Protein backbone atom coordinates (compact mmCIF):
# COMPACT_ATOMS: atom_id res chain seq x y z
CA UNK A 1 6.91 -11.56 4.77
CA UNK A 2 4.12 -13.97 5.70
CA UNK A 3 0.42 -13.36 4.99
CA UNK A 4 -0.30 -11.92 8.46
CA UNK A 5 2.63 -9.50 8.24
CA UNK A 6 1.55 -8.51 4.71
CA UNK A 7 -2.01 -7.93 5.95
CA UNK A 8 -0.81 -5.87 8.93
CA UNK A 9 1.51 -3.75 6.76
CA UNK A 10 -1.29 -3.32 4.23
CA UNK A 11 -3.76 -2.26 6.89
CA UNK A 12 -1.31 0.33 8.21
CA UNK A 13 -0.88 1.86 4.74
CA UNK A 14 -4.58 1.56 3.92
CA UNK A 15 -5.45 3.52 7.06
CA UNK A 16 -2.75 6.13 6.38
CA UNK A 17 -3.91 6.69 2.79
CA UNK A 18 -7.69 6.30 3.02
CA UNK A 19 -8.19 7.36 6.62
CA UNK A 20 -9.43 5.48 9.65
CA UNK A 21 -13.08 6.45 9.10
CA UNK A 22 -13.21 4.90 5.63
CA UNK A 23 -11.38 1.73 6.67
CA UNK A 24 -13.52 1.36 9.81
CA UNK A 25 -16.68 1.62 7.65
CA UNK A 26 -15.33 -1.05 5.32
CA UNK A 27 -14.54 -3.36 8.22
CA UNK A 28 -17.90 -2.71 9.85
CA UNK A 29 -19.61 -3.84 6.65
CA UNK A 30 -17.78 -7.16 6.39
CA UNK A 31 -19.99 -10.11 5.55
CA UNK A 32 -19.21 -13.74 4.84
CA UNK A 33 -19.66 -12.81 1.16
CA UNK A 34 -17.11 -9.93 1.02
CA UNK A 35 -14.72 -10.70 3.89
CA UNK A 36 -12.16 -12.65 1.84
CA UNK A 37 -12.20 -9.95 -0.86
CA UNK A 38 -11.49 -7.21 1.69
CA UNK A 39 -8.65 -9.26 3.17
CA UNK A 40 -7.22 -9.80 -0.32
CA UNK A 41 -7.34 -6.06 -1.08
CA UNK A 42 -5.55 -5.29 2.18
CA UNK A 43 -2.86 -7.93 1.64
CA UNK A 44 -2.20 -7.42 -2.04
CA UNK A 45 -3.15 -3.88 -3.08
CA UNK A 46 -2.04 -2.24 0.15
CA UNK A 47 0.43 -4.80 1.55
CA UNK A 48 2.18 -5.86 -1.68
CA UNK A 49 1.96 -2.75 -3.86
CA UNK A 50 1.49 0.39 -1.75
CA UNK A 51 4.27 -0.70 0.64
CA UNK A 52 6.84 -1.12 -2.13
CA UNK A 53 9.79 1.28 -1.81
CA UNK A 54 10.09 2.01 -5.56
CA UNK A 55 7.58 4.90 -5.64
CA UNK A 56 6.44 7.30 -2.94
CA UNK A 57 2.76 7.30 -1.96
CA UNK A 58 2.42 10.73 -3.54
CA UNK A 59 3.30 9.28 -6.95
CA UNK A 60 1.17 6.19 -6.40
CA UNK A 61 -1.82 8.46 -5.72
CA UNK A 62 -1.32 10.33 -8.99
CA UNK A 63 -0.93 7.10 -10.96
CA UNK A 64 -4.01 5.60 -9.32
CA UNK A 65 -6.09 8.67 -10.14
CA UNK A 66 -4.96 8.54 -13.77
CA UNK A 67 -5.81 4.85 -14.11
CA UNK A 68 -9.22 5.26 -12.50
CA UNK A 69 -10.01 8.09 -14.92
CA UNK A 70 -9.12 5.81 -17.82
CA UNK A 71 -11.30 3.01 -16.44
CA UNK A 72 -14.22 5.35 -15.64
CA UNK A 73 -14.48 4.16 -12.03
CA UNK A 74 -16.14 7.14 -10.37
CA UNK A 75 -16.60 5.65 -6.91
CA UNK A 76 -12.98 4.57 -6.55
CA UNK A 77 -11.82 7.80 -8.19
CA UNK A 78 -13.70 9.87 -5.63
CA UNK A 79 -12.12 7.82 -2.84
CA UNK A 80 -8.61 8.33 -4.22
CA UNK A 81 -9.14 12.04 -4.88
CA UNK A 82 -9.89 12.36 -1.16
CA UNK A 83 -6.98 10.10 -0.21
CA UNK A 84 -4.52 12.09 -2.32
CA UNK A 85 -4.63 14.79 0.35
CA UNK A 86 -3.20 12.32 2.87
CA UNK A 87 -0.29 11.69 0.50
CA UNK A 88 0.62 15.35 0.02
CA UNK A 89 -0.85 15.68 -3.47
CA UNK A 90 -1.87 19.23 -4.40
CA UNK A 91 -4.84 20.39 -6.43
CA UNK A 92 -2.43 21.72 -9.05
CA UNK A 93 -0.82 18.29 -9.40
CA UNK A 94 -4.21 16.67 -9.78
CA UNK A 95 -5.10 19.31 -12.37
CA UNK A 96 -2.02 18.31 -14.36
CA UNK A 97 -3.02 14.63 -14.21
CA UNK A 98 -6.50 15.60 -15.44
CA UNK A 99 -5.05 17.68 -18.26
CA UNK A 100 -2.88 14.77 -19.38
CA UNK A 101 -5.78 12.35 -19.01
CA UNK A 102 -7.78 14.51 -21.42
CA UNK A 103 -5.28 13.55 -24.11
CA UNK A 104 -4.78 9.90 -23.22
CA UNK A 105 -8.18 8.95 -21.74
CA UNK A 106 -10.44 11.40 -23.56
CA UNK A 107 -11.91 14.81 -22.95
CA UNK A 108 -15.23 13.49 -21.58
CA UNK A 109 -13.38 11.47 -18.91
CA UNK A 110 -11.23 14.43 -17.90
CA UNK A 111 -14.20 16.80 -17.92
CA UNK A 112 -16.22 14.51 -15.66
CA UNK A 113 -13.24 14.20 -13.31
CA UNK A 114 -12.74 17.97 -13.09
CA UNK A 115 -16.35 18.22 -11.89
CA UNK A 116 -15.94 15.25 -9.54
CA UNK A 117 -12.72 16.64 -8.05
CA UNK A 118 -14.31 20.01 -7.37
CA UNK A 119 -17.26 18.35 -5.62
CA UNK A 120 -14.86 16.27 -3.48
CA UNK A 121 -12.94 19.37 -2.45
CA UNK A 122 -16.20 21.19 -1.67
CA UNK A 123 -17.26 18.25 0.53
CA UNK A 124 -13.90 18.34 2.30
CA UNK A 125 -14.15 22.11 2.74
CA UNK A 126 -10.67 22.74 1.42
CA UNK A 127 -9.32 25.34 -0.94
CA UNK A 128 -6.20 23.32 -1.66
CA UNK A 129 -5.00 19.77 -1.21
CA UNK A 130 -1.53 21.05 -0.31
């Protein structure tokens, strides 16, 4: 796969996972300063990793949420909590990731994420991510 094909495949997955509105906002805010970074994210994170056949997107969402909890990256975590819905992840599955993260990442991290997840679901107006 060449760089253009990798970018195109990455953009397709990025839109499917994060939604057109989010991706369109990101593209609208391109500047000479951040343009290469956004292209790199699309090619490598979305085109190299999220397109791999070894794990379904559902599982990749859960793994991503767990890692973002451990790194305390609230902004990205909020984004991926929203995106999990597009990958068929349920609230109960996210709850299980948060419970496990309490042990491996710490109770304060899990507690903050429980609150963050509930605010995301309130914003989305959903009872369940199923």
